[in-house]
Amino acid sequence: MYPSEYRYSEEHEWVQVENDIATIGITAFAQDELGEVVYVDLPEAGDSFEAGDEIGSIESVKAVAEVYTPLAGEIVEANGELDDAPETVNEDPHAKGWLIKLRIDPNDPKLGELMDAAKYVAFTKADD
């Protein structure tokens, strides 16, 4: 269920790193907790953030949740497809439902603090 090549945060974001670009989205666990997603608010390309900064929000029929970046960097792309199809976050959270692409320092020590898939699954079970 959780791609093994991704890393995961305690705030339920996933990160896929290729060279100096980190693609970030919310996990299947997070979208399931939110319920039906109806709106996604994301930052603009060129915006810069520090690790832990709020980068946007996701609105569902149940709640509004803030989204945080687990890594520092500059937004290179936001998923514009979510403007017209926010439900993609529910339907395919680990692929087509990605939120942002962030240019990062690939040597950022914060990368090492993120969980692998097995630890994330254990973490979500501890939340039950």
Protein backbone atom coordinates (compact mmCIF):
# COMPACT_ATOMS: atom_id res chain seq x y z
CA MET A 1 0.00 0.00 0.00
CA TYR A 2 2.86 2.41 0.79
CA PRO A 3 5.60 2.60 -1.85
CA SER A 4 8.84 1.32 -0.33
CA GLU A 5 10.99 3.87 -2.19
CA TYR A 6 9.14 6.78 -0.52
CA ARG A 7 9.83 8.29 2.89
CA TYR A 8 7.08 9.35 5.30
CA SER A 9 6.58 12.06 7.92
CA GLU A 10 4.70 11.94 11.22
CA GLU A 11 2.34 14.53 9.70
CA HIS A 12 1.35 11.88 7.09
CA GLU A 13 3.15 13.32 4.07
CA TRP A 14 5.11 11.13 1.68
CA VAL A 15 8.30 12.18 -0.08
CA GLN A 16 9.83 10.75 -3.24
CA VAL A 17 13.30 12.14 -4.02
CA GLU A 18 14.91 12.08 -7.45
CA ASN A 19 18.22 13.97 -7.56
CA ASP A 20 17.39 17.39 -6.07
CA ILE A 21 13.59 17.25 -6.57
CA ALA A 22 11.27 15.98 -3.85
CA THR A 23 7.71 15.17 -4.84
CA ILE A 24 5.44 15.48 -1.80
CA GLY A 25 1.88 14.35 -1.19
CA ILE A 26 -0.32 13.06 1.61
CA THR A 27 -0.52 9.39 2.42
CA ALA A 28 -3.42 7.01 1.90
CA PHE A 29 -3.85 7.05 5.67
CA ALA A 30 -4.22 10.84 5.69
CA GLN A 31 -6.67 10.99 2.81
CA ASP A 32 -8.74 8.22 4.41
CA GLU A 33 -8.87 10.20 7.67
CA LEU A 34 -9.93 13.34 5.77
CA GLY A 35 -12.66 11.72 3.72
CA GLU A 36 -13.86 13.10 0.40
CA VAL A 37 -11.47 15.87 -0.71
CA VAL A 38 -13.27 18.84 -2.29
CA TYR A 39 -10.56 21.53 -2.52
CA VAL A 40 -6.78 21.75 -2.45
CA ASP A 41 -4.88 25.02 -1.83
CA LEU A 42 -1.23 24.87 -2.87
CA PRO A 43 1.66 27.36 -3.08
CA GLU A 44 3.02 28.92 -6.27
CA ALA A 45 6.19 27.87 -8.07
CA GLY A 46 9.08 29.97 -6.80
CA ASP A 47 7.85 30.08 -3.19
CA SER A 48 10.44 28.88 -0.65
CA PHE A 49 9.78 27.08 2.62
CA GLU A 50 11.66 25.75 5.61
CA ALA A 51 11.07 22.23 6.89
CA GLY A 52 7.89 22.14 8.95
CA ASP A 53 6.31 25.16 7.23
CA GLU A 54 2.67 25.06 6.20
CA ILE A 55 2.52 24.88 2.40
CA GLY A 56 -1.22 24.74 1.87
CA SER A 57 -4.40 23.04 2.92
CA ILE A 58 -6.76 20.29 1.89
CA GLU A 59 -10.48 20.71 2.42
CA SER A 60 -12.75 17.70 2.69
CA VAL A 61 -16.41 17.27 3.48
CA LYS A 62 -15.31 16.56 7.09
CA ALA A 63 -12.51 19.03 7.80
CA VAL A 64 -9.77 21.34 6.60
CA ALA A 65 -6.24 20.05 7.13
CA GLU A 66 -3.02 21.99 6.79
CA VAL A 67 -0.22 20.44 4.76
CA TYR A 68 3.38 20.85 5.91
CA THR A 69 6.62 20.30 4.06
CA PRO A 70 8.97 17.89 5.81
CA LEU A 71 11.91 19.37 3.87
CA ALA A 72 13.19 22.86 3.09
CA GLY A 73 13.30 24.06 -0.49
CA GLU A 74 11.79 26.00 -3.37
CA ILE A 75 8.55 25.00 -5.07
CA VAL A 76 9.23 24.10 -8.69
CA GLU A 77 5.72 22.87 -9.44
CA ALA A 78 2.32 22.50 -7.80
CA ASN A 79 -0.12 19.89 -9.07
CA GLY A 80 -2.51 22.07 -11.07
CA GLU A 81 -4.61 19.03 -11.98
CA LEU A 82 -6.01 19.14 -8.43
CA ASP A 83 -7.72 22.49 -9.14
CA ASP A 84 -10.30 20.72 -11.31
CA ALA A 85 -10.06 17.25 -9.77
CA PRO A 86 -9.28 17.47 -6.03
CA GLU A 87 -10.75 13.98 -5.60
CA THR A 88 -7.54 12.64 -7.21
CA VAL A 89 -5.99 12.95 -3.73
CA ASN A 90 -8.46 10.27 -2.59
CA GLU A 91 -8.30 8.13 -5.71
CA ASP A 92 -4.50 7.98 -6.15
CA PRO A 93 -2.74 9.67 -3.19
CA HIS A 94 0.69 8.13 -3.84
CA ALA A 95 0.93 8.97 -7.55
CA LYS A 96 -1.45 11.24 -9.49
CA GLY A 97 -2.58 12.93 -6.26
CA TRP A 98 0.87 14.42 -5.52
CA LEU A 99 0.81 18.00 -4.21
CA ILE A 100 4.13 19.75 -4.91
CA LYS A 101 7.60 19.30 -6.32
CA LEU A 102 10.27 20.94 -4.22
CA ARG A 103 13.92 21.63 -5.13
CA ILE A 104 15.87 20.46 -2.10
CA ASP A 105 19.41 19.89 -0.90
CA PRO A 106 19.74 16.11 -1.42
CA ASN A 107 22.13 16.05 1.57
CA ASP A 108 19.51 17.59 3.89
CA PRO A 109 19.74 15.69 7.20
CA LYS A 110 15.93 15.96 7.51
CA LEU A 111 15.70 13.27 4.80
CA GLY A 112 17.25 10.79 7.20
CA GLU A 113 14.65 11.62 9.84
CA LEU A 114 11.76 10.48 7.64
CA MET A 115 10.33 6.97 8.12
CA ASP A 116 10.54 4.14 5.64
CA ALA A 117 7.29 2.40 4.64
CA ALA A 118 7.47 -0.30 7.34
CA LYS A 119 8.05 2.24 10.12
CA TYR A 120 5.23 4.42 8.77
CA VAL A 121 2.79 1.50 8.77
CA ALA A 122 3.76 0.73 12.38
CA PHE A 123 3.36 4.44 13.21
CA THR A 124 -0.18 4.56 11.79
CA LYS A 125 -1.14 1.42 13.67
CA ALA A 126 0.07 3.06 16.90
CA ASP A 127 -2.43 5.88 16.18
CA ASP A 128 -5.35 3.41 16.31
